[in-house]
Every structure is written in C-alpha cells, then in structure tokens.
Protein backbone atom coordinates (compact mmCIF):
# COMPACT_ATOMS: atom_id res chain seq x y z
CA MET A 1 15.37 14.40 212.33
CA ILE A 2 14.35 17.08 214.79
CA LEU A 3 17.70 18.57 215.62
CA LYS A 4 19.81 21.67 215.73
CA SER A 5 19.87 24.33 218.37
CA ALA A 6 21.54 26.69 215.91
CA ASN A 7 20.70 30.32 215.20
CA PRO A 8 17.31 29.86 213.57
CA LEU A 9 16.58 31.66 210.43
CA ILE A 10 14.51 33.13 209.51
CA ILE A 11 13.63 34.53 207.12
CA LEU A 12 14.80 38.01 207.35
CA VAL A 13 16.29 38.88 210.72
CA SER A 14 16.29 37.18 214.10
CA THR A 15 15.99 40.50 215.92
CA TRP A 16 12.32 40.85 215.04
CA LEU A 17 10.17 39.84 218.01
CA VAL A 18 6.51 38.97 218.17
CA ALA A 19 4.65 41.43 220.37
CA GLY A 20 1.90 40.46 222.79
CA CYS A 21 0.15 37.19 223.42
CA ALA A 22 -0.40 36.49 219.73
CA SER A 23 -1.93 33.38 218.23
CA ILE A 24 -3.13 32.10 214.88
CA SER A 25 -6.89 31.94 214.64
CA THR A 26 -8.30 28.43 214.50
CA ASP A 27 -11.05 29.78 212.24
CA MET A 28 -9.13 29.50 208.98
CA GLN A 29 -10.68 30.85 205.83
CA ALA A 30 -10.94 28.46 202.93
CA ARG A 31 -8.24 29.10 200.33
CA PRO A 32 -8.64 28.63 196.61
CA VAL A 33 -6.69 25.69 195.24
CA GLN A 34 -3.51 26.88 193.56
CA VAL A 35 -1.40 24.96 191.06
CA ALA A 36 2.04 25.53 189.63
CA ILE A 37 2.51 27.96 186.78
CA ALA A 38 2.79 26.26 183.40
CA PRO A 39 6.33 25.53 182.22
CA ALA A 40 8.10 28.64 181.01
CA GLN A 41 8.31 29.21 177.26
CA SER A 42 11.59 31.15 177.33
CA GLY A 43 14.85 31.37 179.23
CA ILE A 44 17.94 29.23 179.62
CA ILE A 45 16.17 26.68 181.85
CA ALA A 46 13.37 26.11 179.32
CA ARG A 47 15.88 25.91 176.45
CA THR A 48 17.99 23.37 178.33
CA ALA A 49 14.96 21.15 179.01
CA ALA A 50 13.88 21.42 175.35
CA ARG A 51 17.39 20.69 174.08
CA PHE A 52 17.60 17.59 176.26
CA ALA A 53 14.13 16.41 175.16
CA ASP A 54 15.22 16.68 171.53
CA ALA A 55 18.34 14.61 172.21
CA ALA A 56 16.69 11.94 174.37
CA HIS A 57 13.30 10.37 174.82
CA PRO A 58 10.71 13.10 175.45
CA ASP A 59 9.45 11.30 178.56
CA GLN A 60 12.91 11.28 180.11
CA SER A 61 14.67 13.91 182.15
CA GLY A 62 18.35 14.76 182.30
CA PHE A 63 19.99 14.25 185.71
CA HIS A 64 23.25 15.19 187.41
CA LEU A 65 24.41 14.38 190.95
CA LEU A 66 25.22 17.29 193.26
CA ASP A 67 27.86 15.84 195.55
CA ALA A 68 30.30 18.63 196.47
CA ASN A 69 28.75 21.19 198.79
CA ALA A 70 29.94 24.21 196.81
CA ASP A 71 28.29 22.79 193.67
CA ALA A 72 25.04 22.21 195.54
CA LEU A 73 24.86 25.86 196.58
CA ASN A 74 25.92 27.18 193.18
CA TRP A 75 23.29 25.16 191.33
CA ARG A 76 20.55 26.42 193.62
CA LEU A 77 21.73 29.95 192.90
CA ALA A 78 21.87 29.14 189.18
CA LEU A 79 18.25 27.98 189.05
CA ILE A 80 17.03 30.90 191.16
CA ASP A 81 18.93 33.49 189.12
CA SER A 82 17.91 31.91 185.80
CA ALA A 83 14.20 31.51 186.50
CA GLU A 84 11.95 33.46 184.15
CA SER A 85 8.44 32.81 185.44
CA SER A 86 8.24 30.71 188.61
CA LEU A 87 10.11 29.38 191.63
CA ASP A 88 8.68 26.90 194.13
CA LEU A 89 10.80 26.06 197.19
CA MET A 90 9.92 23.81 200.11
CA TYR A 91 12.25 23.10 203.04
CA TYR A 92 12.25 21.57 206.49
CA LEU A 93 14.95 23.90 207.85
CA TRP A 94 16.00 27.31 206.55
CA TYR A 95 18.58 28.94 208.79
CA GLY A 96 19.42 32.63 209.13
CA ASP A 97 23.14 32.10 208.55
CA GLU A 98 25.18 33.10 205.51
CA ALA A 99 23.87 30.34 203.24
CA GLY A 100 20.26 31.01 204.26
CA GLN A 101 20.63 34.75 203.79
CA LEU A 102 22.37 34.36 200.44
CA LEU A 103 19.70 32.11 198.97
CA LEU A 104 16.93 34.26 200.37
CA LYS A 105 18.45 37.38 198.85
CA HIS A 106 18.60 35.72 195.42
CA VAL A 107 14.97 34.59 195.80
CA ILE A 108 13.96 38.17 196.60
CA ARG A 109 15.91 39.44 193.58
CA ALA A 110 14.08 36.92 191.38
CA ALA A 111 10.75 38.21 192.71
CA GLU A 112 11.86 41.78 192.04
CA ARG A 113 12.25 40.97 188.35
CA GLY A 114 8.74 39.47 188.24
CA VAL A 115 9.31 35.76 188.96
CA GLU A 116 6.36 34.32 190.90
CA VAL A 117 7.74 32.72 194.07
CA ARG A 118 6.05 30.25 196.40
CA LEU A 119 8.02 29.42 199.54
CA LEU A 120 6.85 26.68 201.92
CA VAL A 121 8.85 26.12 205.13
CA ASP A 122 8.22 23.92 208.14
CA ASP A 123 7.50 25.87 211.33
CA LEU A 124 10.02 24.01 213.49
CA ILE A 125 12.51 26.89 213.81
CA LEU A 126 10.35 29.83 212.71
CA ILE A 127 8.90 30.88 216.07
CA GLY A 128 9.91 34.44 216.97
CA ASN A 129 10.20 35.59 213.36
CA ASP A 130 6.58 36.21 212.41
CA LYS A 131 7.15 39.84 211.40
CA GLY A 132 9.89 38.76 209.02
CA LEU A 133 7.66 36.10 207.52
CA VAL A 134 4.79 38.53 207.04
CA ALA A 135 7.11 41.14 205.53
CA LEU A 136 8.40 38.63 202.98
CA ASP A 137 4.88 37.51 202.12
CA ARG A 138 3.88 41.13 201.46
CA HIS A 139 6.10 41.24 198.38
CA PRO A 140 3.78 41.30 195.34
CA HIS A 141 5.56 38.34 193.75
CA ILE A 142 6.21 36.21 196.85
CA GLN A 143 3.78 33.91 198.63
CA LEU A 144 5.03 32.36 201.84
CA ALA A 145 3.31 29.57 203.75
CA ILE A 146 4.17 27.64 206.89
CA PHE A 147 3.71 23.93 207.43
CA ASN A 148 1.97 22.86 210.65
CA PRO A 149 2.54 26.06 212.64
CA LYS A 150 2.08 26.41 216.36
CA ARG A 151 -1.06 28.46 216.96
CA GLN A 152 0.42 30.13 220.02
CA ARG A 153 3.17 32.35 218.61
CA LYS A 154 4.57 33.63 221.91
CA LEU A 155 2.97 32.62 225.20
CA GLY A 156 1.46 29.22 225.82
CA ARG A 157 3.54 27.32 223.27
CA ALA A 158 4.66 24.65 225.73
CA LEU A 159 1.09 23.90 226.80
CA GLU A 160 -0.01 23.80 223.17
CA PHE A 161 2.73 21.31 222.32
CA ILE A 162 1.61 19.05 225.15
CA GLY A 163 -2.04 19.32 224.12
CA ARG A 164 -1.37 18.79 220.40
CA PHE A 165 1.73 16.62 220.65
CA GLY A 166 0.71 14.08 218.03
CA GLU A 167 -0.06 16.76 215.45
CA LEU A 168 2.85 19.12 216.22
CA ASN A 169 5.31 16.22 216.31
CA THR A 170 4.68 15.71 212.58
CA ARG A 171 7.11 17.82 210.56
CA MET A 172 7.58 18.40 206.83
CA HIS A 173 11.03 16.94 206.18
CA ASN A 174 10.86 17.66 202.42
CA LYS A 175 13.57 19.53 200.46
CA LEU A 176 12.81 20.79 196.94
CA VAL A 177 13.44 23.58 194.43
CA VAL A 178 11.48 23.81 191.18
CA ALA A 179 12.40 26.51 188.65
CA ASP A 180 10.21 27.50 185.67
CA ASN A 181 8.55 24.07 185.99
CA HIS A 182 11.42 22.75 183.86
CA ALA A 183 14.16 22.01 186.44
CA ALA A 184 14.23 20.65 189.98
CA ILE A 185 16.72 19.95 192.76
CA ILE A 186 15.76 17.09 195.08
CA GLY A 187 17.83 15.59 197.88
CA GLY A 188 18.94 15.67 201.47
CA ARG A 189 20.13 19.24 201.97
CA ASN A 190 18.29 21.77 204.09
CA ILE A 191 19.20 25.46 203.76
CA GLY A 192 22.03 26.39 206.11
CA ASN A 193 25.81 26.58 206.37
CA HIS A 194 26.25 22.93 207.48
CA TYR A 195 24.76 21.69 204.20
CA PHE A 196 27.01 23.76 201.93
CA GLY A 197 30.38 23.40 203.66
CA LEU A 198 30.32 26.84 205.30
CA ASP A 199 30.25 26.03 209.02
CA GLU A 200 33.44 26.06 211.08
CA LYS A 201 32.26 23.46 213.63
CA TYR A 202 31.14 20.71 211.25
CA ASN A 203 29.82 20.20 207.73
CA PHE A 204 27.82 17.45 206.09
CA ALA A 205 28.59 15.20 203.18
CA ASP A 206 25.23 15.27 201.45
CA LEU A 207 23.63 14.46 198.10
CA ASP A 208 21.10 16.07 195.77
CA VAL A 209 20.21 15.55 192.16
CA ILE A 210 19.37 18.26 189.63
CA GLY A 211 17.02 17.31 186.85
CA PHE A 212 15.75 19.03 183.69
CA GLY A 213 12.51 17.85 182.10
CA PRO A 214 9.39 15.96 183.27
CA VAL A 215 10.84 15.49 186.76
CA ALA A 216 10.08 19.18 187.33
CA GLN A 217 6.38 18.77 186.57
CA GLN A 218 6.29 15.66 188.78
CA SER A 219 7.86 17.74 191.56
CA SER A 220 5.29 20.49 191.05
CA GLU A 221 2.52 17.98 191.71
CA LEU A 222 4.15 17.23 195.06
CA PHE A 223 4.55 20.92 195.86
CA ASP A 224 0.93 21.71 194.97
CA HIS A 225 -0.27 18.82 197.13
CA PHE A 226 1.43 20.28 200.21
CA TRP A 227 0.73 23.91 199.33
CA ASN A 228 -3.00 23.25 199.18
CA SER A 229 -3.20 21.01 202.24
CA ASP A 230 -4.97 21.96 205.46
CA TRP A 231 -1.63 21.61 207.25
CA THR A 232 -0.27 24.70 205.47
CA VAL A 233 -1.02 28.23 206.70
CA PRO A 234 -0.30 31.39 204.65
CA ALA A 235 2.05 33.80 206.39
CA ALA A 236 -0.59 36.51 205.95
CA GLN A 237 -2.62 34.78 208.68
CA LEU A 238 0.15 35.15 211.25
CA PRO A 239 -0.68 37.60 214.07
CA ALA A 240 1.98 40.15 213.13
CA ARG A 241 1.96 43.50 211.39
CA VAL A 242 4.78 45.11 209.46
CA THR A 243 4.89 48.38 207.55
CA ALA A 244 6.36 48.83 204.09
CA ASP A 245 9.13 50.95 205.60
CA GLU A 246 10.02 48.18 208.07
CA ALA A 247 10.20 45.64 205.27
CA ARG A 248 12.47 47.86 203.15
CA GLU A 249 14.73 48.48 206.15
CA GLU A 250 15.18 44.79 206.82
CA PHE A 251 15.81 43.97 203.15
CA GLU A 252 18.57 46.59 203.15
CA LYS A 253 20.04 45.12 206.35
CA LEU A 254 20.17 41.72 204.68
CA ARG A 255 22.06 43.12 201.69
CA ASN A 256 24.63 44.82 203.90
CA GLN A 257 25.21 41.75 206.06
CA LEU A 258 26.13 39.66 203.03
CA LYS A 259 28.58 42.23 201.71
CA SER A 260 30.82 41.65 204.73
CA SER A 261 30.63 37.83 204.79
CA GLU A 262 33.99 36.08 204.74
CA VAL A 263 32.67 32.56 204.09
CA LEU A 264 30.80 33.54 200.90
CA VAL A 265 33.87 34.73 198.99
CA GLY A 266 33.37 32.01 196.38
CA PHE A 267 29.71 32.79 195.69
CA PRO A 268 27.97 35.69 193.95
CA VAL A 269 26.18 37.94 196.41
CA GLU A 270 24.22 39.49 193.54
CA PRO A 271 22.39 37.53 190.80
CA ARG A 272 24.39 36.77 187.68
CA ASP A 273 24.19 35.03 184.32
CA TRP A 274 24.68 31.26 184.62
CA SER A 275 24.28 30.45 180.91
CA ALA A 276 27.86 29.23 180.51
CA GLU A 277 27.64 26.83 183.46
CA ILE A 278 24.25 25.48 182.36
CA GLY A 279 25.58 25.06 178.83
CA GLU A 280 28.55 23.06 180.10
CA LEU A 281 26.27 20.88 182.23
CA THR A 282 23.84 19.98 179.45
CA PRO A 283 25.99 17.34 177.67
CA LYS A 284 26.77 15.75 181.06
CA LEU A 285 23.11 15.14 181.95
CA ARG A 286 22.23 11.47 182.34
CA PRO A 287 18.94 10.47 180.67
CA GLY A 288 16.42 8.63 182.79
CA SER A 289 12.77 8.16 183.59
CA SER A 290 11.63 9.26 187.03
CA GLU A 291 8.93 8.95 189.64
CA VAL A 292 8.71 11.52 192.41
CA VAL A 293 7.42 9.73 195.51
CA PHE A 294 6.08 11.42 198.62
CA ASP A 295 3.84 11.06 201.64
CA HIS A 296 0.26 12.17 200.96
CA PHE A 297 -2.60 13.85 202.75
CA ILE A 298 -5.85 11.90 202.57
CA ASP A 299 -8.93 13.47 204.19
CA GLY A 300 -6.65 15.87 206.03
CA LYS A 301 -4.44 13.16 207.52
CA LEU A 302 -0.85 12.45 206.57
CA GLN A 303 -0.45 8.98 205.10
CA GLN A 304 3.09 7.60 204.95
CA ALA A 305 3.52 6.34 201.41
CA MET A 306 7.28 6.03 201.01
CA ARG A 307 8.03 2.55 202.29
CA HIS A 308 6.13 0.68 199.57
CA PRO A 309 7.81 2.16 196.44
CA LEU A 310 11.25 2.15 198.06
CA GLY A 311 10.78 -1.39 199.31
CA GLU A 312 9.66 -2.54 195.87
CA ALA A 313 12.72 -0.93 194.26
CA MET A 314 15.10 -2.71 196.64
CA ASP A 315 13.25 -6.03 196.47
CA ALA A 316 13.75 -6.01 192.70
CA ALA A 317 17.54 -6.20 193.10
CA GLU A 318 19.26 -9.04 191.30
CA LYS A 319 22.95 -8.37 191.98
CA ARG A 320 23.65 -5.50 194.38
CA ILE A 321 22.26 -2.69 196.47
CA ASP A 322 24.37 0.26 197.62
CA ILE A 323 22.81 2.32 200.42
CA VAL A 324 23.99 5.58 201.96
CA ASN A 325 21.73 6.87 204.73
CA ALA A 326 22.74 9.20 207.51
CA TYR A 327 20.31 8.09 210.22
CA ILE A 328 19.52 4.39 210.32
CA ILE A 329 17.48 2.58 212.96
CA PRO A 330 16.39 -0.31 210.77
CA GLY A 331 13.96 -2.53 212.69
CA GLN A 332 13.43 -6.25 212.22
CA ASN A 333 11.51 -5.97 208.94
CA PHE A 334 14.51 -4.27 207.35
CA ILE A 335 16.83 -6.96 208.71
CA ASP A 336 14.58 -9.73 207.38
CA GLY A 337 14.44 -8.08 203.97
CA ALA A 338 18.20 -7.73 203.84
CA ALA A 339 18.65 -11.38 204.79
CA SER A 340 16.22 -12.47 202.09
CA LEU A 341 18.11 -10.47 199.46
CA SER A 342 21.44 -11.83 200.64
CA ASN A 343 20.12 -15.37 200.45
CA ARG A 344 19.23 -14.67 196.80
CA GLY A 345 22.84 -13.68 196.15
CA VAL A 346 22.37 -9.90 196.27
CA ASP A 347 25.40 -7.99 197.60
CA ILE A 348 24.34 -5.28 200.08
CA THR A 349 26.53 -2.35 201.06
CA ILE A 350 25.34 0.11 203.73
CA LEU A 351 27.03 3.37 204.70
CA THR A 352 25.82 5.40 207.68
CA ASN A 353 27.31 7.65 210.35
CA SER A 354 29.75 6.46 212.97
CA LEU A 355 29.42 7.84 216.47
CA GLU A 356 32.39 10.12 215.78
CA SER A 357 30.79 11.63 212.65
CA HIS A 358 27.33 11.99 214.19
CA ASP A 359 25.68 15.32 214.83
CA VAL A 360 22.91 13.44 216.71
CA PRO A 361 24.38 10.89 219.15
CA ALA A 362 20.84 9.87 220.13
CA VAL A 363 20.39 8.15 216.77
CA ASN A 364 23.61 6.20 217.20
CA SER A 365 22.39 5.13 220.65
CA HIS A 366 19.50 3.23 219.03
CA TYR A 367 21.28 2.22 215.82
CA LYS A 368 24.23 0.47 217.45
CA LYS A 369 22.23 -2.56 218.61
CA TRP A 370 21.48 -3.26 214.94
CA ARG A 371 25.10 -3.51 213.80
CA LYS A 372 25.36 -7.24 214.44
CA PRO A 373 21.93 -8.07 212.95
CA LEU A 374 22.86 -6.13 209.79
CA LEU A 375 26.10 -8.06 209.49
CA ASP A 376 24.34 -11.34 210.25
CA ALA A 377 21.89 -10.52 207.45
CA GLY A 378 24.79 -10.47 205.02
CA ALA A 379 25.29 -6.72 204.58
CA ARG A 380 28.69 -5.07 204.36
CA LEU A 381 28.53 -2.25 206.88
CA PHE A 382 30.48 1.01 206.73
CA GLU A 383 30.43 4.05 209.01
CA PHE A 384 31.53 7.50 207.90
CA ARG A 385 34.70 8.98 209.38
CA ALA A 386 34.83 12.37 211.06
CA ASP A 387 38.12 13.08 209.23
CA PRO A 388 37.52 11.67 205.73
CA GLU A 389 39.84 12.33 202.82
CA ILE A 390 36.85 13.82 200.97
CA LYS A 391 36.65 16.55 203.60
CA LYS A 392 38.08 18.89 200.96
CA GLN A 393 34.77 18.72 199.07
CA VAL A 394 32.68 18.69 202.24
CA ASP A 395 34.26 21.96 203.42
CA THR A 396 33.93 24.93 201.08
CA PRO A 397 37.01 27.21 201.06
CA PRO A 398 38.00 29.22 202.98
CA VAL A 399 36.17 27.22 205.67
CA VAL A 400 38.00 24.39 207.47
CA SER A 401 35.59 22.64 209.84
CA GLY A 402 36.25 20.65 212.98
CA PHE A 403 34.72 17.43 211.62
CA SER A 404 32.59 15.98 208.84
CA GLY A 405 29.27 14.20 209.17
CA LEU A 406 27.02 12.30 206.80
CA HIS A 407 23.56 13.59 205.79
CA SER A 408 22.83 11.79 202.48
CA LYS A 409 19.76 9.60 201.89
CA ALA A 410 20.17 7.55 198.72
CA PHE A 411 20.49 4.05 197.29
CA VAL A 412 21.33 2.36 194.00
CA VAL A 413 19.92 -0.97 192.82
CA ASP A 414 21.89 -2.99 190.27
CA GLY A 415 23.72 0.14 189.14
CA ARG A 416 20.56 1.40 187.47
CA THR A 417 17.70 2.36 189.80
CA VAL A 418 18.61 5.38 191.94
CA PHE A 419 16.74 6.87 194.88
CA ILE A 420 17.69 10.31 196.22
CA GLY A 421 15.55 12.14 198.73
CA SER A 422 14.84 13.21 202.29
CA MET A 423 13.95 9.90 203.91
CA ASN A 424 16.07 8.43 206.67
CA PHE A 425 15.74 4.75 207.50
CA ASP A 426 14.34 5.32 210.97
CA PRO A 427 10.92 5.30 212.69
CA ARG A 428 10.47 9.08 212.54
CA SER A 429 10.83 9.18 208.77
CA ALA A 430 8.76 6.05 208.29
CA ASP A 431 5.87 6.82 210.65
CA ILE A 432 5.79 10.49 211.70
CA ASN A 433 7.33 13.06 209.33
CA SER A 434 6.43 13.72 205.73
CA GLU A 435 9.16 12.59 203.34
CA MET A 436 9.87 12.72 199.62
CA GLY A 437 12.35 11.67 196.98
CA VAL A 438 12.80 10.62 193.38
CA LEU A 439 13.25 7.14 191.92
CA ILE A 440 15.24 7.32 188.69
CA ASP A 441 15.76 4.57 186.13
CA SER A 442 19.07 5.51 184.51
CA PRO A 443 22.09 3.27 183.91
CA GLY A 444 24.32 6.34 183.54
CA LEU A 445 23.20 8.00 186.77
CA GLY A 446 23.22 4.61 188.49
CA GLN A 447 26.88 4.15 187.59
CA ASP A 448 27.68 7.66 188.85
CA ALA A 449 25.88 7.04 192.16
CA GLN A 450 27.45 3.62 192.61
CA GLU A 451 30.92 5.06 192.08
CA LEU A 452 30.17 7.86 194.53
CA ILE A 453 29.13 5.42 197.27
CA SER A 454 32.20 3.28 196.56
CA ARG A 455 34.35 6.37 197.04
CA TYR A 456 32.58 7.19 200.30
CA THR A 457 33.11 3.66 201.64
CA ALA A 458 36.83 3.62 200.81
CA PRO A 459 39.00 3.11 203.94
CA GLN A 460 40.28 6.70 203.84
CA ASN A 461 36.66 7.91 204.16
CA ALA A 462 34.85 5.28 206.22
CA TRP A 463 35.29 2.58 208.84
CA GLN A 464 34.30 -0.91 207.74
CA VAL A 465 32.55 -2.71 210.58
CA THR A 466 33.34 -6.42 210.74
CA GLN A 467 32.40 -9.19 213.15
CA SER A 468 34.58 -12.05 214.37
CA PRO A 469 33.18 -15.57 214.75
CA ASP A 470 32.73 -14.95 218.48
CA GLY A 471 30.77 -11.72 217.85
CA VAL A 472 33.44 -9.07 218.48
CA LEU A 473 32.96 -5.97 216.32
CA THR A 474 35.98 -4.31 214.74
CA TRP A 475 36.18 -0.93 212.96
CA ILE A 476 38.80 -0.88 210.20
CA SER A 477 40.12 2.10 208.22
CA ASP A 478 43.35 2.78 206.34
CA GLU A 479 44.84 4.17 209.57
CA ALA A 480 43.58 1.99 212.41
CA SER A 481 41.72 -1.10 213.55
CA VAL A 482 39.75 -0.72 216.80
CA THR A 483 37.25 -2.78 218.76
CA ARG A 484 35.44 0.16 220.34
CA GLN A 485 33.21 2.41 218.25
CA PRO A 486 35.19 5.50 217.21
CA ALA A 487 34.16 8.72 218.95
CA ARG A 488 35.39 12.30 219.05
CA SER A 489 35.37 12.53 222.85
CA SER A 490 34.40 10.83 226.08
CA TRP A 491 31.58 13.37 226.34
CA GLN A 492 30.15 12.01 223.09
CA ARG A 493 30.37 8.47 224.45
CA GLY A 494 28.50 9.59 227.55
CA LEU A 495 25.70 11.13 225.51
CA ASP A 496 25.54 7.96 223.45
CA ALA A 497 24.85 5.97 226.64
CA LEU A 498 22.41 8.52 228.03
CA PHE A 499 20.27 8.74 224.91
CA ARG A 500 19.52 5.03 225.04
CA LEU A 501 16.80 6.07 227.51
CA LEU A 502 14.91 8.05 224.85
CA PRO A 503 12.05 6.43 222.89
CA THR A 504 13.24 5.53 219.40
CA SER A 505 10.20 7.13 217.74
CA GLN A 506 11.04 10.59 219.15
CA LEU A 507 14.58 10.89 217.82
C-alpha cells in the first residue's frame, strides 16, 4: 500500500534539506555484482543455527512466530546486536520516529564494531533526506542503496512523476532482516512506531516469523537479487555532500534524542547481550522446510512471481485454509478459486480489516463489494475490530493507542503449510509492487499460526460477517450485532464513499 503522511524518516534527521536543483544523473556507472557474506563461523546466531541443525534435519530451519509488537522489535534488536559479520536489511518504509531511530542506532553500533551492513530502502518517503542518506553511506562498514529513486531530488519531482508514472508507481514492498546469513526475520512489519505498538493514535496487529538456518541463505538470494538490480541506486550517487563533522554531529543528535524517549522505556537504547533470550528461544523453534518466494527482475523489468506459488499452496488444501490479510480486494479469480475449494469440502476462513479498524478507508471502499461474493463462495468472513481484546499485545506499554488495525499477511493450509510475507491480496501487490514472503512446511508452526488466526477471529477481537437468505449483511461480535459496517466516525464513512471514485489499481 502507498500510504502514510507521517513524519518520514529518514534516516538520520528530517531537518537536513537538499540544496539547489539537484538530480541523480541518468548516466549510471556499472556496479560490480555483490553477494552476501558467507555465513558467520562464530557468534550466538551461528551457534544457534548449528545447534538446531544438529537436532533436526540439516535442510530444515527453526521458526518462531513474532506476534506481539514488543517481541517483534526486541527480536530485530537481538539479531542486530548479536550479528558478528553481516547484516542485510530491506524495507519499504523506514520512519524517523522512535522505533526507526532506535533500530538505526543499533545498526550503526553494529557497523562500529565491524559488522558489514547493507541497507536497502524504497525511496517513497526518503525525499528531502539525501544528506542523511549520504552521511550514513559514508560509514566504512555501511552501504546504503535506494530502490527506484526519483531522479529529481528537489525541483521538478511532480513533472517527473507524471512523465515516469508507470516506473515510479512501482515500489519495493519487501520487509527483511538477515543476520550473519544464519537468521532472518520475514513478515509484514515496516520500520516505524505503528508496527511495534508505540504510536498513540493507532497501532497494527502484525505478523513476522524469525528463522534460523537455510531460510537465511534463501533470504540472502532475494536480497542480492534486489541489491544488484538496475532499479537500485547507491546513496553515494545522490546529489548531496556531507562532511565528516556533519555526520558525527547528526549521529550524536540521534543518540541524545533516544535518551529522552518516553515510549522506549521497555527497550535497550544501547546494544546488549541477548544470549539468554536466544538460548530460551532455541528449544521453542519449530522445524520446517522453507521456500522464500519473491518477485523477480528479468531483463531489467519487474516480473510478478508471487501469485503462482501462493495459488498452488492454497489449491493443495484438503481440509481448511485460514487467511489473515490486511488489505483484500480479491477479484473474480480469487472468488472462483474459493468456490472451487469450498465445493471440494475445504473450510475457508478469511480475516481482514473492518472499516473501523482501517488506516486506509480507500481499500475498504473497493473491498466491500466483495463481501457477498466471498460469503457466496463458501468462506467464513471476519473483520478486525478497532477495540480488540488483544489490544494489550498490539500496544506496547506505556503506550495506549486510540485504535487497533490489522497489517498481517499470512495464511495456513491444512494446519501445515504457512505463508508469511509482505503481499496483500489486492491489485497493487499482485500487479505493481514487488512482494516477498516465505512458504514453510511445518506442522508445528502451522498449528501455532492456525491457533493465532483462531484467536484473532474470536468475537472479542473480530466481527463475523454473515448474510441472511435475502442478502442482508450482519456484523456480529461478543458485544453487538449490527447491519451497517462498523466505523469509528461519520467522517470515516464519508471517506469510504468518496474513495469509491479512485481506480482500484492505484490504492
């Protein structure tokens, strides 16, 4: 989704401005192909992967769901702080709020102790921060690159967007951390307060998976593919200059800002030893084989490659499919597939956002016409509540937000095959953006994910949408039964009606 008008990161300080009518040269120099550093031979991450390989099949990885927002932030910090040789991070959005600053500071600290860092971020919210990007890239152990940047970095951006709309409309929606080429975090979370329970307006219920083992090397192949693509531009080629003194000054400003943060009281501002937590996690890891799936570049063009493997995984269902996806605009092919599965006796459960839990009413505007077709196809349909009982794990103390929204993108087939990734079930994800995720064959993880979705669809956390014989929709929770889609305000209902005028493909 292209969303958010929040305080954009990045990456160091939003007060840096680009001077002059600067632009990126279209005459790009050829870059040498670069691949991930070989898996580390020492450190707690390498030892954990080796210990798991000894206890399970060597071709399997060990997986654990990251459901609670505080856990998701802590495990990112744990991998960053524990890395010995390499860190590769790729993200669609990286905000300049407390969560973004905290993770960035820990990445810088890792580089200061000699860890080789590659950071790849989509350009969507980076404009106006070129000096910060260049300063970060100047660190001897940090390489920073930007996906699909605007060439005009100050003036002329609007005209460029019109002239290159098709190209600039394509964004890298991927979210990935790989540490020491032995561990990876894959899922739906971007980097920002909303994704870790730290925003006072609203926070997301989201889902990642952490894996130790071959899944990390599979993820590195994905990272290398994007890092070496023609769509990626090194920060060093940005038209900005920064002195060493300026860089040191801004790093110091970042450190001081975090010292006074009230929302980060539960997280370490400075790196620390996570050996105890990693040791406690190891026996909980679920063994499974994995396939990291992602959209590819072929001859310089992005080829959407996600629908086929995900479709195959769902078509293989024999008993049940449990789907949680934040932004659904299904289309007739999806409806036909669901009907075919239902006719074979497969139970289908779908959880998505309600209007009241939505951060993007425009998506609901185009989803709502598909409620009845989904129900007619035999699916059980649930919509997330803005005031769920699980809000206590969506919000991270001391934060208490105004409402909760759903941001997860996952499904489980027959309690065994699990998909977790970045892909929404909408036209933008299917046809425009780059997406990624991991398919995992693991009965243990499948049971965990199935139980999680069942908890999310419980009446204290979601509305069940039902249809009467005469076609009247009803939303049912443990507190109410209504025949009008739940909303937080009349203003939200108005936006929902207005956004029906937008083309579906541009949401």
